[in-house]
Amino acid sequence: MLDLNKIGIDENLLQENNILPTQNKVGHLNELKSINLSLTTLGKVIYSLAQNKSSYIPYRESKLTRLLQDSIGKNSNTWLIATVSPTVATFDET
């Protein structure tokens, strides 16, 4: 059995992609690990920017945050667009 905590993969990410931990899909699991790491680093960057006390912003810890550095910096405006549906059938996705 594969220990998900050792390789740093979020179980919710596996469930969303319908991957069972017992399947031997090393390449796909490594890709999921990279995505999870990038999103975690993005969270760290956003947290550091929100604190306004931190002198170190971890932009260089992932390719994603390095690419988004100009878009999420201190002098930028960021918009969040959400698609929300009022129907019961799409409640889980919303």
C-alpha atoms as a PDB file:
ATOM      1  CA  MET A   1       0.000   0.000   0.000  1.00  0.00           C
ATOM      2  CA  LEU A   2       1.291   3.430  -0.928  1.00  0.00           C
ATOM      3  CA  ASP A   3       1.627   5.928   1.948  1.00  0.00           C
ATOM      4  CA  LEU A   4       0.267   9.205   0.591  1.00  0.00           C
ATOM      5  CA  ASN A   5       1.740  11.296   3.396  1.00  0.00           C
ATOM      6  CA  LYS A   6       5.283  10.225   2.508  1.00  0.00           C
ATOM      7  CA  ILE A   7       5.038  11.443  -1.067  1.00  0.00           C
ATOM      8  CA  GLY A   8       3.037  14.576  -0.197  1.00  0.00           C
ATOM      9  CA  ILE A   9      -0.120  14.045  -2.223  1.00  0.00           C
ATOM     10  CA  ASP A  10      -3.445  15.339  -0.993  1.00  0.00           C
ATOM     11  CA  GLU A  11      -6.060  12.571  -0.826  1.00  0.00           C
ATOM     12  CA  ASN A  12      -8.758  14.938  -2.132  1.00  0.00           C
ATOM     13  CA  LEU A  13      -6.674  15.520  -5.246  1.00  0.00           C
ATOM     14  CA  LEU A  14      -6.514  11.764  -5.825  1.00  0.00           C
ATOM     15  CA  GLN A  15     -10.260  11.381  -5.343  1.00  0.00           C
ATOM     16  CA  GLU A  16     -10.999  14.205  -7.791  1.00  0.00           C
ATOM     17  CA  ASN A  17      -8.884  12.479 -10.435  1.00  0.00           C
ATOM     18  CA  ASN A  18     -10.315   9.006  -9.676  1.00  0.00           C
ATOM     19  CA  ILE A  19      -6.927   7.487  -8.883  1.00  0.00           C
ATOM     20  CA  LEU A  20      -6.668   4.673  -6.404  1.00  0.00           C
ATOM     21  CA  PRO A  21      -3.434   4.647  -4.360  1.00  0.00           C
ATOM     22  CA  THR A  22      -2.877   0.970  -5.180  1.00  0.00           C
ATOM     23  CA  GLN A  23      -2.655   1.583  -8.918  1.00  0.00           C
ATOM     24  CA  ASN A  24       0.839   1.780 -10.345  1.00  0.00           C
ATOM     25  CA  LYS A  25       0.746   5.141 -12.094  1.00  0.00           C
ATOM     26  CA  VAL A  26       4.007   6.651 -10.911  1.00  0.00           C
ATOM     27  CA  GLY A  27       4.205   9.312 -13.619  1.00  0.00           C
ATOM     28  CA  HIS A  28       0.700  10.546 -12.946  1.00  0.00           C
ATOM     29  CA  LEU A  29       1.254  10.513  -9.184  1.00  0.00           C
ATOM     30  CA  ASN A  30       4.430  12.549  -9.606  1.00  0.00           C
ATOM     31  CA  GLU A  31       2.506  15.061 -11.713  1.00  0.00           C
ATOM     32  CA  LEU A  32      -0.164  15.321  -9.008  1.00  0.00           C
ATOM     33  CA  LYS A  33       2.573  15.789  -6.428  1.00  0.00           C
ATOM     34  CA  SER A  34       4.028  18.678  -8.434  1.00  0.00           C
ATOM     35  CA  ILE A  35       0.617  20.308  -8.788  1.00  0.00           C
ATOM     36  CA  ASN A  36      -0.045  19.926  -5.074  1.00  0.00           C
ATOM     37  CA  LEU A  37       3.362  21.431  -4.242  1.00  0.00           C
ATOM     38  CA  SER A  38       2.774  24.379  -6.565  1.00  0.00           C
ATOM     39  CA  LEU A  39      -0.631  25.096  -5.036  1.00  0.00           C
ATOM     40  CA  THR A  40       0.816  24.839  -1.532  1.00  0.00           C
ATOM     41  CA  THR A  41       3.544  27.309  -2.470  1.00  0.00           C
ATOM     42  CA  LEU A  42       0.929  29.630  -3.972  1.00  0.00           C
ATOM     43  CA  GLY A  43      -0.868  29.528  -0.620  1.00  0.00           C
ATOM     44  CA  LYS A  44       2.385  30.398   1.170  1.00  0.00           C
ATOM     45  CA  VAL A  45       2.966  33.359  -1.155  1.00  0.00           C
ATOM     46  CA  ILE A  46      -0.565  34.685  -0.685  1.00  0.00           C
ATOM     47  CA  TYR A  47      -0.266  34.273   3.093  1.00  0.00           C
ATOM     48  CA  SER A  48       3.096  36.079   3.142  1.00  0.00           C
ATOM     49  CA  LEU A  49       1.698  38.940   1.074  1.00  0.00           C
ATOM     50  CA  ALA A  50      -1.366  39.224   3.317  1.00  0.00           C
ATOM     51  CA  GLN A  51       0.760  39.455   6.486  1.00  0.00           C
ATOM     52  CA  ASN A  52       2.638  42.587   5.287  1.00  0.00           C
ATOM     53  CA  LYS A  53       5.283  41.784   7.925  1.00  0.00           C
ATOM     54  CA  SER A  54       7.194  39.141   6.041  1.00  0.00           C
ATOM     55  CA  SER A  55      10.293  40.315   4.229  1.00  0.00           C
ATOM     56  CA  TYR A  56      10.628  36.978   2.419  1.00  0.00           C
ATOM     57  CA  ILE A  57       8.022  36.035  -0.191  1.00  0.00           C
ATOM     58  CA  PRO A  58       8.630  32.459  -1.505  1.00  0.00           C
ATOM     59  CA  TYR A  59       8.088  33.208  -5.211  1.00  0.00           C
ATOM     60  CA  ARG A  60      11.008  31.028  -6.333  1.00  0.00           C
ATOM     61  CA  GLU A  61       9.846  27.839  -4.653  1.00  0.00           C
ATOM     62  CA  SER A  62       7.715  26.757  -7.630  1.00  0.00           C
ATOM     63  CA  LYS A  63       7.350  27.494 -11.321  1.00  0.00           C
ATOM     64  CA  LEU A  64       3.724  28.542 -10.829  1.00  0.00           C
ATOM     65  CA  THR A  65       4.508  31.276  -8.314  1.00  0.00           C
ATOM     66  CA  ARG A  66       7.479  32.413 -10.366  1.00  0.00           C
ATOM     67  CA  LEU A  67       5.211  32.845 -13.400  1.00  0.00           C
ATOM     68  CA  LEU A  68       2.506  34.598 -11.371  1.00  0.00           C
ATOM     69  CA  GLN A  69       4.915  36.857  -9.481  1.00  0.00           C
ATOM     70  CA  ASP A  70       3.962  39.988 -11.431  1.00  0.00           C
ATOM     71  CA  SER A  71       0.253  39.177 -11.188  1.00  0.00           C
ATOM     72  CA  ILE A  72       0.112  38.599  -7.427  1.00  0.00           C
ATOM     73  CA  GLY A  73       2.664  41.142  -6.268  1.00  0.00           C
ATOM     74  CA  LYS A  74       1.969  44.013  -3.886  1.00  0.00           C
ATOM     75  CA  ASN A  75       1.154  46.583  -6.568  1.00  0.00           C
ATOM     76  CA  SER A  76      -1.322  44.494  -8.536  1.00  0.00           C
ATOM     77  CA  ASN A  77      -5.085  44.158  -8.550  1.00  0.00           C
ATOM     78  CA  THR A  78      -6.406  40.615  -8.657  1.00  0.00           C
ATOM     79  CA  TRP A  79      -9.959  39.607  -9.495  1.00  0.00           C
ATOM     80  CA  LEU A  80     -11.622  36.329  -8.705  1.00  0.00           C
ATOM     81  CA  ILE A  81     -14.377  35.205 -11.034  1.00  0.00           C
ATOM     82  CA  ALA A  82     -16.582  32.377  -9.812  1.00  0.00           C
ATOM     83  CA  THR A  83     -19.215  30.485 -11.725  1.00  0.00           C
ATOM     84  CA  VAL A  84     -22.004  29.718  -9.279  1.00  0.00           C
ATOM     85  CA  SER A  85     -25.143  27.793 -10.136  1.00  0.00           C
ATOM     86  CA  PRO A  86     -28.284  27.876  -7.982  1.00  0.00           C
ATOM     87  CA  THR A  87     -29.474  24.424  -9.051  1.00  0.00           C
ATOM     88  CA  VAL A  88     -29.480  21.490  -6.671  1.00  0.00           C
ATOM     89  CA  ALA A  89     -27.864  19.212  -9.259  1.00  0.00           C
ATOM     90  CA  THR A  90     -24.658  21.279  -9.305  1.00  0.00           C
ATOM     91  CA  PHE A  91     -24.540  22.130  -5.605  1.00  0.00           C
ATOM     92  CA  ASP A  92     -21.389  20.021  -4.960  1.00  0.00           C
ATOM     93  CA  GLU A  93     -19.471  21.664  -7.797  1.00  0.00           C
ATOM     94  CA  THR A  94     -20.463  25.155  -6.700  1.00  0.00           C
END
